[in-house]
Amino acid sequence: MALKVKAQEKLQKIGKYEGTYRYIMMPELYTSLSQEKVIKEAAMRSGVSKGIMQACWDAAGEVIKAWATEGHSVALPGLGTMRFGLRAKSVANVNDVKTGLITSRRIIFTPAVELKDELADTAIQITCYDRNGQEVKRVTSNDPGTVEEPDNENTNGDNQGGNTGGNTGGGEPNPDGSSED
């Protein structure tokens, strides 16, 4: 199995590459799996009935929610830990501290080392699309996940990065799919 990524040629409107077209990589999103499908698969893999798995799933969800909202970091087996966090404005004077300074409440997930290692070892398939939406290239990784720097390795001036079958867009996408360039 490979993670699917698309590299779409887009006009950069801000930043150092403003006014030029660049290939921006982002994960291709899959469909969401229903809770029912996940429970059915977990029941099958564990050898317990679907009803028992549903009861365990619901109870675990309630425990995680209760403990996390009490301020605990909660372990999610095989995945990592989750906790609630927040963003807030700062103030210079202690008398100005109030709940109105909180701008958002968030869920913070910290993946387990094993999950991060498995993700790093998963093959990646990149499909490149030009600015008109036409597929122009496919790249499949067969490397150990080494991060390449295409802006620094081109010495022949052809703007192709000087490699074949490597990273064509540079770096990782932002979690929200936007570009920093």
N, C-alpha and C. Protein backbone atom coordinates (compact mmCIF):
# COMPACT_ATOMS: atom_id res chain seq x y z
N MET A 1 0.84 -1.17 0.00
CA MET A 1 0.00 0.00 0.00
C MET A 1 0.89 1.24 0.00
N ALA A 2 0.41 2.28 -0.62
CA ALA A 2 1.16 3.53 -0.68
C ALA A 2 0.23 4.69 -0.32
N LEU A 3 0.79 5.69 0.32
CA LEU A 3 0.05 6.92 0.55
C LEU A 3 -0.03 7.67 -0.76
N LYS A 4 -1.19 8.19 -1.08
CA LYS A 4 -1.37 8.91 -2.34
C LYS A 4 -1.26 10.40 -2.10
N VAL A 5 -0.45 11.04 -2.93
CA VAL A 5 -0.19 12.47 -2.85
C VAL A 5 -0.41 13.05 -4.22
N LYS A 6 -0.95 14.26 -4.29
CA LYS A 6 -1.03 14.93 -5.58
C LYS A 6 -0.18 16.18 -5.55
N ALA A 7 0.46 16.44 -6.67
CA ALA A 7 1.26 17.66 -6.83
C ALA A 7 0.55 18.48 -7.91
N GLN A 8 -0.06 19.58 -7.52
CA GLN A 8 -0.84 20.41 -8.44
C GLN A 8 -0.06 21.67 -8.75
N GLU A 9 0.06 21.98 -10.03
CA GLU A 9 0.74 23.21 -10.45
C GLU A 9 -0.19 24.39 -10.17
N LYS A 10 0.28 25.32 -9.32
CA LYS A 10 -0.55 26.46 -8.93
C LYS A 10 0.25 27.75 -9.01
N LEU A 11 -0.43 28.81 -9.37
CA LEU A 11 0.17 30.14 -9.39
C LEU A 11 0.35 30.62 -7.96
N GLN A 12 1.57 31.00 -7.62
CA GLN A 12 1.86 31.50 -6.29
C GLN A 12 1.51 32.98 -6.24
N LYS A 13 0.69 33.37 -5.26
CA LYS A 13 0.22 34.75 -5.18
C LYS A 13 0.96 35.57 -4.15
N ILE A 14 1.72 34.89 -3.27
CA ILE A 14 2.49 35.61 -2.24
C ILE A 14 3.82 34.91 -2.04
N GLY A 15 4.70 35.55 -1.34
CA GLY A 15 5.96 34.93 -0.95
C GLY A 15 7.05 35.04 -1.99
N LYS A 16 8.09 34.28 -1.78
CA LYS A 16 9.30 34.38 -2.59
C LYS A 16 9.07 33.94 -4.04
N TYR A 17 8.07 33.09 -4.29
CA TYR A 17 7.79 32.62 -5.65
C TYR A 17 6.56 33.30 -6.26
N GLU A 18 6.17 34.45 -5.73
CA GLU A 18 4.99 35.17 -6.22
C GLU A 18 5.07 35.38 -7.73
N GLY A 19 3.95 35.07 -8.40
CA GLY A 19 3.87 35.27 -9.85
C GLY A 19 4.36 34.10 -10.67
N THR A 20 4.85 33.03 -10.02
CA THR A 20 5.33 31.86 -10.75
C THR A 20 4.45 30.66 -10.43
N TYR A 21 4.47 29.69 -11.33
CA TYR A 21 3.76 28.44 -11.08
C TYR A 21 4.71 27.47 -10.39
N ARG A 22 4.21 26.82 -9.35
CA ARG A 22 4.98 25.84 -8.59
C ARG A 22 4.10 24.62 -8.34
N TYR A 23 4.71 23.44 -8.26
CA TYR A 23 3.97 22.23 -7.93
C TYR A 23 3.86 22.14 -6.40
N ILE A 24 2.64 22.14 -5.92
CA ILE A 24 2.36 22.10 -4.49
C ILE A 24 1.82 20.71 -4.17
N MET A 25 2.46 20.02 -3.23
CA MET A 25 2.03 18.67 -2.87
C MET A 25 1.07 18.70 -1.69
N MET A 26 0.09 17.82 -1.75
CA MET A 26 -0.87 17.65 -0.67
C MET A 26 -1.39 16.22 -0.70
N PRO A 27 -1.75 15.68 0.46
CA PRO A 27 -2.29 14.32 0.46
C PRO A 27 -3.61 14.27 -0.29
N GLU A 28 -3.84 13.17 -0.99
CA GLU A 28 -5.16 12.95 -1.58
C GLU A 28 -6.01 12.37 -0.47
N LEU A 29 -7.12 13.01 -0.19
CA LEU A 29 -7.97 12.59 0.91
C LEU A 29 -8.83 11.41 0.48
N TYR A 30 -8.90 10.45 1.37
CA TYR A 30 -9.74 9.28 1.15
C TYR A 30 -11.11 9.55 1.76
N THR A 31 -12.03 8.65 1.54
CA THR A 31 -13.33 8.78 2.18
C THR A 31 -13.19 8.48 3.67
N SER A 32 -14.08 9.01 4.46
CA SER A 32 -14.08 8.73 5.89
C SER A 32 -14.68 7.35 6.13
N LEU A 33 -14.04 6.59 6.99
CA LEU A 33 -14.58 5.28 7.36
C LEU A 33 -15.62 5.49 8.46
N SER A 34 -16.75 4.85 8.33
CA SER A 34 -17.80 4.97 9.34
C SER A 34 -17.38 4.25 10.61
N GLN A 35 -17.93 4.70 11.74
CA GLN A 35 -17.66 4.05 13.01
C GLN A 35 -18.09 2.59 12.94
N GLU A 36 -19.19 2.32 12.28
CA GLU A 36 -19.69 0.94 12.17
C GLU A 36 -18.68 0.03 11.48
N LYS A 37 -18.07 0.53 10.41
CA LYS A 37 -17.08 -0.27 9.68
C LYS A 37 -15.84 -0.54 10.55
N VAL A 38 -15.41 0.47 11.28
CA VAL A 38 -14.24 0.32 12.15
C VAL A 38 -14.54 -0.70 13.25
N ILE A 39 -15.69 -0.60 13.85
CA ILE A 39 -16.07 -1.53 14.92
C ILE A 39 -16.17 -2.95 14.38
N LYS A 40 -16.76 -3.11 13.21
CA LYS A 40 -16.90 -4.44 12.60
C LYS A 40 -15.52 -5.06 12.35
N GLU A 41 -14.60 -4.27 11.82
CA GLU A 41 -13.24 -4.77 11.53
C GLU A 41 -12.49 -5.10 12.83
N ALA A 42 -12.61 -4.23 13.84
CA ALA A 42 -11.94 -4.47 15.12
C ALA A 42 -12.51 -5.73 15.80
N ALA A 43 -13.81 -5.93 15.71
CA ALA A 43 -14.43 -7.12 16.29
C ALA A 43 -13.91 -8.37 15.59
N MET A 44 -13.81 -8.31 14.29
CA MET A 44 -13.33 -9.46 13.53
C MET A 44 -11.87 -9.77 13.88
N ARG A 45 -11.04 -8.76 13.98
CA ARG A 45 -9.62 -8.97 14.29
C ARG A 45 -9.40 -9.44 15.73
N SER A 46 -10.26 -9.03 16.64
CA SER A 46 -10.06 -9.40 18.04
C SER A 46 -10.80 -10.67 18.44
N GLY A 47 -11.73 -11.10 17.62
CA GLY A 47 -12.47 -12.33 17.92
C GLY A 47 -13.62 -12.14 18.90
N VAL A 48 -14.01 -10.90 19.17
CA VAL A 48 -15.16 -10.66 20.03
C VAL A 48 -16.35 -10.26 19.16
N SER A 49 -17.53 -10.32 19.74
CA SER A 49 -18.73 -9.97 18.96
C SER A 49 -18.76 -8.48 18.68
N LYS A 50 -19.50 -8.12 17.63
CA LYS A 50 -19.65 -6.72 17.25
C LYS A 50 -20.30 -5.92 18.38
N GLY A 51 -21.28 -6.53 19.09
CA GLY A 51 -21.96 -5.84 20.19
C GLY A 51 -21.01 -5.52 21.33
N ILE A 52 -20.15 -6.48 21.68
CA ILE A 52 -19.16 -6.25 22.74
C ILE A 52 -18.18 -5.17 22.31
N MET A 53 -17.74 -5.23 21.05
CA MET A 53 -16.80 -4.21 20.56
C MET A 53 -17.45 -2.84 20.59
N GLN A 54 -18.73 -2.75 20.22
CA GLN A 54 -19.45 -1.46 20.24
C GLN A 54 -19.50 -0.91 21.66
N ALA A 55 -19.81 -1.79 22.62
CA ALA A 55 -19.88 -1.36 24.03
C ALA A 55 -18.51 -0.87 24.51
N CYS A 56 -17.46 -1.59 24.15
CA CYS A 56 -16.10 -1.19 24.55
C CYS A 56 -15.71 0.12 23.88
N TRP A 57 -16.03 0.26 22.61
CA TRP A 57 -15.73 1.48 21.84
C TRP A 57 -16.40 2.69 22.49
N ASP A 58 -17.70 2.55 22.79
CA ASP A 58 -18.45 3.65 23.40
C ASP A 58 -17.89 4.00 24.78
N ALA A 59 -17.58 2.99 25.59
CA ALA A 59 -17.04 3.23 26.93
C ALA A 59 -15.67 3.90 26.86
N ALA A 60 -14.81 3.43 25.96
CA ALA A 60 -13.48 4.04 25.81
C ALA A 60 -13.61 5.50 25.39
N GLY A 61 -14.52 5.78 24.46
CA GLY A 61 -14.73 7.16 24.02
C GLY A 61 -15.16 8.06 25.16
N GLU A 62 -16.06 7.57 26.00
CA GLU A 62 -16.53 8.36 27.14
C GLU A 62 -15.41 8.60 28.15
N VAL A 63 -14.61 7.57 28.42
CA VAL A 63 -13.49 7.70 29.37
C VAL A 63 -12.47 8.70 28.83
N ILE A 64 -12.12 8.57 27.55
CA ILE A 64 -11.14 9.49 26.95
C ILE A 64 -11.65 10.92 27.02
N LYS A 65 -12.90 11.13 26.67
CA LYS A 65 -13.48 12.48 26.70
C LYS A 65 -13.47 13.03 28.13
N ALA A 66 -13.90 12.23 29.09
CA ALA A 66 -13.95 12.70 30.48
C ALA A 66 -12.57 13.05 31.01
N TRP A 67 -11.61 12.16 30.82
CA TRP A 67 -10.28 12.41 31.36
C TRP A 67 -9.58 13.55 30.64
N ALA A 68 -9.73 13.63 29.34
CA ALA A 68 -9.06 14.71 28.60
C ALA A 68 -9.62 16.06 29.00
N THR A 69 -10.94 16.15 29.22
CA THR A 69 -11.52 17.43 29.61
C THR A 69 -11.20 17.80 31.06
N GLU A 70 -10.69 16.83 31.82
CA GLU A 70 -10.22 17.12 33.18
C GLU A 70 -8.75 17.54 33.18
N GLY A 71 -8.13 17.54 32.00
CA GLY A 71 -6.75 18.00 31.90
C GLY A 71 -5.71 16.91 31.78
N HIS A 72 -6.13 15.66 31.63
CA HIS A 72 -5.18 14.55 31.49
C HIS A 72 -4.76 14.38 30.04
N SER A 73 -3.55 13.89 29.84
CA SER A 73 -3.10 13.41 28.54
C SER A 73 -3.48 11.94 28.50
N VAL A 74 -4.26 11.54 27.49
CA VAL A 74 -4.82 10.19 27.46
C VAL A 74 -4.16 9.37 26.36
N ALA A 75 -3.70 8.16 26.73
CA ALA A 75 -3.07 7.25 25.77
C ALA A 75 -4.13 6.63 24.86
N LEU A 76 -3.84 6.59 23.57
CA LEU A 76 -4.67 5.90 22.59
C LEU A 76 -3.82 4.74 22.07
N PRO A 77 -4.14 3.52 22.47
CA PRO A 77 -3.28 2.37 22.19
C PRO A 77 -2.86 2.25 20.72
N GLY A 78 -1.55 2.17 20.51
CA GLY A 78 -1.00 2.02 19.17
C GLY A 78 -0.97 3.30 18.36
N LEU A 79 -1.54 4.37 18.88
CA LEU A 79 -1.62 5.62 18.12
C LEU A 79 -0.78 6.74 18.73
N GLY A 80 -0.91 6.95 20.03
CA GLY A 80 -0.20 8.04 20.68
C GLY A 80 -1.00 8.55 21.85
N THR A 81 -0.96 9.86 22.08
CA THR A 81 -1.72 10.46 23.17
C THR A 81 -2.48 11.68 22.66
N MET A 82 -3.57 11.99 23.35
CA MET A 82 -4.31 13.21 23.02
C MET A 82 -4.59 13.98 24.29
N ARG A 83 -4.68 15.26 24.12
CA ARG A 83 -5.00 16.15 25.24
C ARG A 83 -5.65 17.40 24.66
N PHE A 84 -6.32 18.11 25.50
CA PHE A 84 -6.90 19.37 25.06
C PHE A 84 -5.90 20.48 25.30
N GLY A 85 -5.94 21.48 24.45
CA GLY A 85 -5.08 22.64 24.57
C GLY A 85 -5.87 23.87 24.21
N LEU A 86 -5.21 25.00 24.20
CA LEU A 86 -5.89 26.23 23.82
C LEU A 86 -4.92 27.23 23.25
N ARG A 87 -5.49 28.20 22.59
CA ARG A 87 -4.75 29.37 22.13
C ARG A 87 -5.37 30.57 22.83
N ALA A 88 -4.53 31.50 23.26
CA ALA A 88 -5.03 32.67 23.97
C ALA A 88 -4.12 33.86 23.73
N LYS A 89 -4.70 35.02 23.86
CA LYS A 89 -3.93 36.26 23.76
C LYS A 89 -3.17 36.45 25.06
N SER A 90 -2.00 37.07 24.97
CA SER A 90 -1.22 37.35 26.18
C SER A 90 -1.51 38.77 26.65
N VAL A 91 -1.31 38.98 27.93
CA VAL A 91 -1.46 40.31 28.52
C VAL A 91 -0.28 40.58 29.45
N ALA A 92 0.05 41.83 29.63
CA ALA A 92 1.18 42.20 30.47
C ALA A 92 0.80 42.28 31.94
N ASN A 93 -0.46 42.53 32.23
CA ASN A 93 -0.89 42.76 33.60
C ASN A 93 -1.77 41.59 34.07
N VAL A 94 -1.47 41.03 35.24
CA VAL A 94 -2.23 39.91 35.78
C VAL A 94 -3.71 40.26 35.96
N ASN A 95 -4.01 41.51 36.21
CA ASN A 95 -5.41 41.92 36.39
C ASN A 95 -6.21 41.86 35.09
N ASP A 96 -5.51 41.74 33.95
CA ASP A 96 -6.19 41.65 32.66
C ASP A 96 -6.46 40.21 32.23
N VAL A 97 -5.99 39.22 33.02
CA VAL A 97 -6.21 37.82 32.68
C VAL A 97 -7.68 37.48 32.88
N LYS A 98 -8.31 36.93 31.82
CA LYS A 98 -9.71 36.53 31.88
C LYS A 98 -9.97 35.48 30.80
N THR A 99 -11.05 34.77 30.94
CA THR A 99 -11.35 33.70 29.98
C THR A 99 -11.60 34.25 28.57
N GLY A 100 -11.97 35.50 28.46
CA GLY A 100 -12.20 36.11 27.15
C GLY A 100 -10.94 36.19 26.30
N LEU A 101 -9.77 35.98 26.89
CA LEU A 101 -8.52 35.99 26.13
C LEU A 101 -8.32 34.70 25.34
N ILE A 102 -9.07 33.65 25.70
CA ILE A 102 -8.95 32.37 24.99
C ILE A 102 -9.59 32.51 23.62
N THR A 103 -8.79 32.26 22.57
CA THR A 103 -9.29 32.42 21.20
C THR A 103 -9.76 31.11 20.60
N SER A 104 -9.23 29.98 21.07
CA SER A 104 -9.72 28.68 20.59
C SER A 104 -9.31 27.58 21.55
N ARG A 105 -10.14 26.57 21.58
CA ARG A 105 -9.84 25.35 22.34
C ARG A 105 -9.54 24.29 21.31
N ARG A 106 -8.51 23.48 21.57
CA ARG A 106 -8.04 22.53 20.56
C ARG A 106 -7.82 21.15 21.15
N ILE A 107 -7.71 20.20 20.25
CA ILE A 107 -7.30 18.85 20.62
C ILE A 107 -5.90 18.67 20.07
N ILE A 108 -4.98 18.27 20.92
CA ILE A 108 -3.59 18.08 20.52
C ILE A 108 -3.29 16.59 20.53
N PHE A 109 -2.86 16.08 19.39
CA PHE A 109 -2.53 14.66 19.26
C PHE A 109 -1.03 14.53 19.08
N THR A 110 -0.41 13.67 19.88
CA THR A 110 1.01 13.38 19.75
C THR A 110 1.14 11.92 19.35
N PRO A 111 1.58 11.66 18.12
CA PRO A 111 1.66 10.27 17.66
C PRO A 111 2.74 9.48 18.37
N ALA A 112 2.49 8.16 18.50
CA ALA A 112 3.48 7.25 19.07
C ALA A 112 4.65 7.10 18.11
N VAL A 113 5.83 6.84 18.63
CA VAL A 113 7.03 6.67 17.81
C VAL A 113 6.81 5.56 16.78
N GLU A 114 6.17 4.46 17.19
CA GLU A 114 5.93 3.34 16.28
C GLU A 114 5.05 3.77 15.11
N LEU A 115 4.03 4.60 15.37
CA LEU A 115 3.15 5.09 14.31
C LEU A 115 3.92 6.01 13.36
N LYS A 116 4.74 6.88 13.92
CA LYS A 116 5.55 7.78 13.09
C LYS A 116 6.53 6.98 12.23
N ASP A 117 7.14 5.93 12.82
CA ASP A 117 8.08 5.10 12.06
C ASP A 117 7.37 4.37 10.93
N GLU A 118 6.17 3.85 11.21
CA GLU A 118 5.42 3.15 10.16
C GLU A 118 5.04 4.11 9.04
N LEU A 119 4.65 5.31 9.38
CA LEU A 119 4.32 6.31 8.36
C LEU A 119 5.55 6.65 7.53
N ALA A 120 6.71 6.77 8.18
CA ALA A 120 7.96 7.09 7.46
C ALA A 120 8.36 5.96 6.52
N ASP A 121 7.99 4.72 6.86
CA ASP A 121 8.35 3.57 6.03
C ASP A 121 7.32 3.25 4.95
N THR A 122 6.20 3.96 4.94
CA THR A 122 5.15 3.70 3.96
C THR A 122 5.51 4.36 2.63
N ALA A 123 5.36 3.60 1.55
CA ALA A 123 5.65 4.13 0.22
C ALA A 123 4.70 5.28 -0.10
N ILE A 124 5.15 6.16 -0.97
CA ILE A 124 4.34 7.30 -1.39
C ILE A 124 4.24 7.30 -2.91
N GLN A 125 3.03 7.51 -3.39
CA GLN A 125 2.78 7.62 -4.82
C GLN A 125 2.31 9.04 -5.10
N ILE A 126 3.06 9.77 -5.93
CA ILE A 126 2.72 11.15 -6.25
C ILE A 126 2.21 11.21 -7.68
N THR A 127 1.04 11.82 -7.85
CA THR A 127 0.51 12.08 -9.18
C THR A 127 0.58 13.58 -9.40
N CYS A 128 1.24 13.99 -10.50
CA CYS A 128 1.44 15.41 -10.79
C CYS A 128 0.42 15.88 -11.83
N TYR A 129 -0.19 17.03 -11.53
CA TYR A 129 -1.18 17.62 -12.42
C TYR A 129 -0.72 19.02 -12.80
N ASP A 130 -0.84 19.37 -14.08
CA ASP A 130 -0.48 20.72 -14.49
C ASP A 130 -1.59 21.69 -14.13
N ARG A 131 -1.40 22.96 -14.46
CA ARG A 131 -2.36 24.00 -14.08
C ARG A 131 -3.74 23.80 -14.69
N ASN A 132 -3.84 22.96 -15.75
CA ASN A 132 -5.12 22.69 -16.39
C ASN A 132 -5.78 21.42 -15.86
N GLY A 133 -5.16 20.80 -14.85
CA GLY A 133 -5.73 19.60 -14.26
C GLY A 133 -5.37 18.32 -15.00
N GLN A 134 -4.46 18.38 -15.97
CA GLN A 134 -4.06 17.21 -16.72
C GLN A 134 -2.91 16.49 -16.00
N GLU A 135 -2.99 15.16 -15.90
CA GLU A 135 -1.93 14.39 -15.29
C GLU A 135 -0.70 14.45 -16.19
N VAL A 136 0.46 14.78 -15.59
CA VAL A 136 1.69 14.91 -16.38
C VAL A 136 2.81 13.98 -15.93
N LYS A 137 2.69 13.40 -14.72
CA LYS A 137 3.77 12.55 -14.23
C LYS A 137 3.30 11.78 -13.02
N ARG A 138 3.87 10.57 -12.83
CA ARG A 138 3.65 9.79 -11.61
C ARG A 138 5.01 9.42 -11.04
N VAL A 139 5.13 9.51 -9.73
CA VAL A 139 6.37 9.19 -9.04
C VAL A 139 6.02 8.28 -7.87
N THR A 140 6.74 7.18 -7.74
CA THR A 140 6.55 6.29 -6.60
C THR A 140 7.85 6.21 -5.83
N SER A 141 7.77 6.41 -4.52
CA SER A 141 8.98 6.38 -3.70
C SER A 141 9.46 4.95 -3.54
N ASN A 142 10.74 4.82 -3.52
CA ASN A 142 11.38 3.55 -3.18
C ASN A 142 12.62 3.84 -2.36
N ASP A 143 12.58 4.98 -1.68
CA ASP A 143 13.72 5.41 -0.89
C ASP A 143 13.38 5.36 0.60
N PRO A 144 14.35 5.59 1.47
CA PRO A 144 14.11 5.51 2.91
C PRO A 144 13.44 6.75 3.49
N GLY A 145 12.85 7.62 2.65
CA GLY A 145 12.16 8.80 3.17
C GLY A 145 13.07 9.99 3.36
N THR A 146 14.22 10.02 2.73
CA THR A 146 15.15 11.14 2.84
C THR A 146 14.51 12.39 2.25
N VAL A 147 14.57 13.48 2.97
CA VAL A 147 14.03 14.73 2.48
C VAL A 147 15.03 15.34 1.51
N GLU A 148 14.54 15.62 0.31
CA GLU A 148 15.39 16.25 -0.70
C GLU A 148 15.13 17.74 -0.71
N GLU A 149 16.08 18.50 -1.21
CA GLU A 149 15.92 19.94 -1.32
C GLU A 149 16.11 20.34 -2.77
N PRO A 150 15.02 20.28 -3.57
CA PRO A 150 15.15 20.53 -5.00
C PRO A 150 15.67 21.91 -5.34
N ASP A 151 15.43 22.92 -4.51
CA ASP A 151 15.91 24.26 -4.82
C ASP A 151 17.43 24.35 -4.73
N ASN A 152 18.07 23.45 -3.99
CA ASN A 152 19.51 23.53 -3.77
C ASN A 152 20.31 22.53 -4.60
N GLU A 153 19.66 21.53 -5.20
CA GLU A 153 20.44 20.50 -5.89
C GLU A 153 20.54 20.71 -7.39
N ASN A 154 19.86 21.70 -7.95
CA ASN A 154 19.88 21.92 -9.39
C ASN A 154 21.12 22.72 -9.78
N THR A 155 21.97 22.09 -10.56
CA THR A 155 23.18 22.80 -10.98
C THR A 155 23.22 23.03 -12.48
N ASN A 156 22.25 22.48 -13.23
CA ASN A 156 22.30 22.63 -14.68
C ASN A 156 21.31 23.65 -15.22
N GLY A 157 20.57 24.34 -14.33
CA GLY A 157 19.71 25.43 -14.75
C GLY A 157 18.44 25.00 -15.46
N ASP A 158 18.09 23.70 -15.45
CA ASP A 158 16.90 23.28 -16.18
C ASP A 158 15.64 23.27 -15.32
N ASN A 159 15.74 23.66 -14.04
CA ASN A 159 14.63 23.73 -13.11
C ASN A 159 13.91 22.40 -12.94
N GLN A 160 14.59 21.29 -13.15
CA GLN A 160 14.00 19.98 -12.98
C GLN A 160 14.51 19.30 -11.71
N GLY A 161 15.34 19.94 -10.93
CA GLY A 161 15.80 19.37 -9.68
C GLY A 161 16.96 18.41 -9.86
N GLY A 162 17.33 18.06 -11.08
CA GLY A 162 18.50 17.24 -11.31
C GLY A 162 18.35 15.79 -10.90
N ASN A 163 17.10 15.29 -10.71
CA ASN A 163 16.95 13.90 -10.35
C ASN A 163 15.77 13.29 -11.09
N THR A 164 15.66 11.99 -11.02
CA THR A 164 14.50 11.32 -11.59
C THR A 164 13.89 10.45 -10.52
N GLY A 165 12.57 10.47 -10.46
CA GLY A 165 11.87 9.64 -9.50
C GLY A 165 11.91 10.15 -8.09
N GLY A 166 12.34 11.38 -7.87
CA GLY A 166 12.44 11.91 -6.51
C GLY A 166 11.30 12.84 -6.18
N ASN A 167 11.51 13.63 -5.17
CA ASN A 167 10.53 14.58 -4.69
C ASN A 167 10.44 15.72 -5.69
N THR A 168 9.24 15.97 -6.24
CA THR A 168 9.11 17.01 -7.26
C THR A 168 8.53 18.30 -6.73
N GLY A 169 8.11 18.35 -5.48
CA GLY A 169 7.46 19.55 -5.01
C GLY A 169 8.18 20.20 -3.85
N GLY A 170 9.05 19.48 -3.21
CA GLY A 170 9.83 20.06 -2.13
C GLY A 170 9.10 20.06 -0.81
N GLY A 171 9.64 19.41 0.18
CA GLY A 171 9.14 19.49 1.54
C GLY A 171 7.80 18.83 1.75
N GLU A 172 7.26 19.07 2.93
CA GLU A 172 5.97 18.50 3.29
C GLU A 172 4.90 19.55 3.14
N PRO A 173 3.65 19.14 2.83
CA PRO A 173 2.57 20.12 2.78
C PRO A 173 2.21 20.55 4.20
N ASN A 174 1.62 21.73 4.30
CA ASN A 174 1.10 22.15 5.59
C ASN A 174 -0.09 21.27 5.92
N PRO A 175 -0.39 21.07 7.20
CA PRO A 175 -1.53 20.22 7.57
C PRO A 175 -2.84 20.68 6.94
N ASP A 176 -3.00 21.98 6.69
CA ASP A 176 -4.25 22.44 6.10
C ASP A 176 -4.21 22.43 4.57
N GLY A 177 -3.11 21.92 3.98
CA GLY A 177 -3.01 21.80 2.53
C GLY A 177 -2.57 23.07 1.83
N SER A 178 -2.32 24.14 2.59
CA SER A 178 -1.91 25.39 1.95
C SER A 178 -0.41 25.40 1.74
N SER A 179 0.07 26.34 0.98
CA SER A 179 1.49 26.46 0.69
C SER A 179 2.10 27.57 1.52
N GLU A 180 3.34 27.38 1.93
CA GLU A 180 4.05 28.45 2.62
C GLU A 180 4.76 29.36 1.63
N ASP A 181 4.90 28.88 0.40
CA ASP A 181 5.64 29.64 -0.61
C ASP A 181 4.86 30.85 -1.08
